[in-house]
Amino acid sequence: MTPDHPLIRLYLDEDVSVIVGEYLRARGFDVLTTRDASRLGQSDASQLAFATNERRAILTHNRCDFESLHRTALTEQRSHAGIIIANRRASSSELAKRVLKLLNLLTAEEMANQLLYI
């Protein structure tokens, strides 16, 4: 990616294994976990607001809450940097590989305001 098309920066919700973050960091991606950010135990709305403020797409397993937060953001015409909802049944390595494909496919601009399932 070029400066005109920056890479997606990720924020991992606390329900996502830190192993996923380590895998992606090792491949050159900017990943912040809730633990790294000292934000464990914060509400989902607060986590999304933090990710948005940091210009990071959030990766979570929490489908119901983040689908609702996405709908609310659309209704209220508020933007976010993207929401990626991952299947809980995938192993950490499988999830990391799925996320890596997505990160290599989309730019941060293309991810903005999207709700994607992997």
Protein backbone atom coordinates (compact mmCIF):
# COMPACT_ATOMS: atom_id res chain seq x y z
CA MET A 1 0.00 0.00 0.00
CA THR A 2 1.08 3.57 -0.55
CA PRO A 3 0.55 6.63 1.66
CA ASP A 4 -2.49 7.40 -0.51
CA HIS A 5 -3.83 3.93 0.31
CA PRO A 6 -2.80 3.18 3.89
CA LEU A 7 -2.97 -0.23 5.47
CA ILE A 8 -5.76 -1.11 7.85
CA ARG A 9 -4.72 -0.64 11.46
CA LEU A 10 -6.39 -3.10 13.83
CA TYR A 11 -7.72 -2.98 17.36
CA LEU A 12 -8.43 -6.42 18.85
CA ASP A 13 -11.41 -6.64 21.17
CA GLU A 14 -10.64 -8.47 24.41
CA ASP A 15 -12.43 -11.60 23.21
CA VAL A 16 -9.84 -12.09 20.43
CA SER A 17 -6.69 -14.01 21.33
CA VAL A 18 -3.54 -11.90 21.60
CA ILE A 19 -1.87 -14.66 19.55
CA VAL A 20 -3.76 -13.29 16.53
CA GLY A 21 -2.23 -9.88 17.17
CA GLU A 22 1.26 -11.33 17.51
CA TYR A 23 0.89 -13.21 14.20
CA LEU A 24 -0.25 -10.09 12.36
CA ARG A 25 2.41 -7.85 13.93
CA ALA A 26 5.08 -10.33 12.82
CA ARG A 27 3.84 -9.73 9.28
CA GLY A 28 4.21 -5.97 9.55
CA PHE A 29 0.70 -4.88 10.51
CA ASP A 30 -0.12 -2.28 13.16
CA VAL A 31 -2.18 -4.13 15.78
CA LEU A 32 -3.26 -2.90 19.20
CA THR A 33 -5.00 -5.15 21.73
CA THR A 34 -7.32 -4.07 24.51
CA ARG A 35 -4.68 -5.29 26.94
CA ASP A 36 -1.98 -3.15 25.25
CA ALA A 37 -4.31 -0.15 25.42
CA SER A 38 -5.24 -0.80 29.09
CA ARG A 39 -8.92 -0.99 28.11
CA LEU A 40 -9.94 -4.42 29.42
CA GLY A 41 -13.52 -4.49 30.70
CA GLN A 42 -14.72 -1.42 28.78
CA SER A 43 -18.14 -1.53 27.09
CA ASP A 44 -18.40 -2.49 23.43
CA ALA A 45 -19.59 1.03 22.58
CA SER A 46 -16.54 2.45 24.35
CA GLN A 47 -14.23 0.01 22.53
CA LEU A 48 -15.68 1.00 19.15
CA ALA A 49 -15.39 4.70 20.00
CA PHE A 50 -11.75 4.18 21.01
CA ALA A 51 -11.00 2.24 17.81
CA THR A 52 -12.67 4.95 15.75
CA ASN A 53 -10.73 7.69 17.49
CA GLU A 54 -7.50 5.76 16.85
CA ARG A 55 -8.50 5.13 13.21
CA ARG A 56 -8.43 1.39 13.74
CA ALA A 57 -10.82 -1.28 12.52
CA ILE A 58 -11.98 -3.46 15.40
CA LEU A 59 -11.76 -7.25 15.28
CA THR A 60 -14.23 -9.03 17.55
CA HIS A 61 -16.15 -12.25 18.06
CA ASN A 62 -19.11 -10.33 19.52
CA ARG A 63 -21.52 -10.39 16.58
CA CYS A 64 -24.74 -9.21 18.24
CA ASP A 65 -23.42 -6.13 20.02
CA PHE A 66 -21.23 -4.93 17.16
CA GLU A 67 -23.96 -5.46 14.54
CA SER A 68 -26.16 -3.23 16.69
CA LEU A 69 -23.40 -0.63 17.13
CA HIS A 70 -22.83 -0.62 13.36
CA ARG A 71 -26.56 -0.10 12.66
CA THR A 72 -26.66 2.75 15.19
CA ALA A 73 -23.61 4.39 13.62
CA LEU A 74 -25.24 4.21 10.18
CA THR A 75 -28.54 5.59 11.48
CA GLU A 76 -26.81 8.44 13.29
CA GLN A 77 -24.44 9.04 10.35
CA ARG A 78 -21.39 8.45 12.54
CA SER A 79 -18.39 6.84 10.93
CA HIS A 80 -16.04 4.18 12.22
CA ALA A 81 -12.87 2.61 10.84
CA GLY A 82 -14.56 -0.74 10.28
CA ILE A 83 -15.82 -3.75 12.20
CA ILE A 84 -14.60 -7.27 11.48
CA ILE A 85 -16.61 -10.06 13.10
CA ALA A 86 -14.81 -13.37 13.34
CA ASN A 87 -16.23 -16.84 13.81
CA ARG A 88 -15.47 -18.14 17.32
CA ARG A 89 -14.86 -21.67 16.09
CA ALA A 90 -11.70 -20.79 14.17
CA SER A 91 -8.38 -21.47 15.86
CA SER A 92 -6.11 -18.48 16.52
CA SER A 93 -3.87 -19.42 13.59
CA GLU A 94 -6.82 -19.89 11.23
CA LEU A 95 -8.33 -16.58 12.32
CA ALA A 96 -5.01 -14.80 11.86
CA LYS A 97 -4.72 -16.19 8.32
CA ARG A 98 -8.27 -15.02 7.49
CA VAL A 99 -7.54 -11.54 8.85
CA LEU A 100 -4.25 -11.42 6.95
CA LYS A 101 -6.09 -12.09 3.68
CA LEU A 102 -8.46 -9.24 4.44
CA LEU A 103 -5.65 -6.86 5.40
CA ASN A 104 -3.85 -7.62 2.15
CA LEU A 105 -7.04 -7.10 0.14
CA LEU A 106 -8.49 -3.83 1.48
CA THR A 107 -7.11 -0.41 2.34
CA ALA A 108 -8.08 1.52 5.44
CA GLU A 109 -10.28 3.73 3.27
CA GLU A 110 -12.10 0.73 1.82
CA MET A 111 -12.61 -0.74 5.32
CA ALA A 112 -14.11 2.45 6.76
CA ASN A 113 -17.75 2.07 7.85
CA GLN A 114 -17.85 -1.56 6.76
CA LEU A 115 -19.13 -4.51 8.76
CA LEU A 116 -17.40 -7.67 7.52
CA TYR A 117 -17.62 -11.29 8.60
CA ILE A 118 -14.68 -13.68 8.42
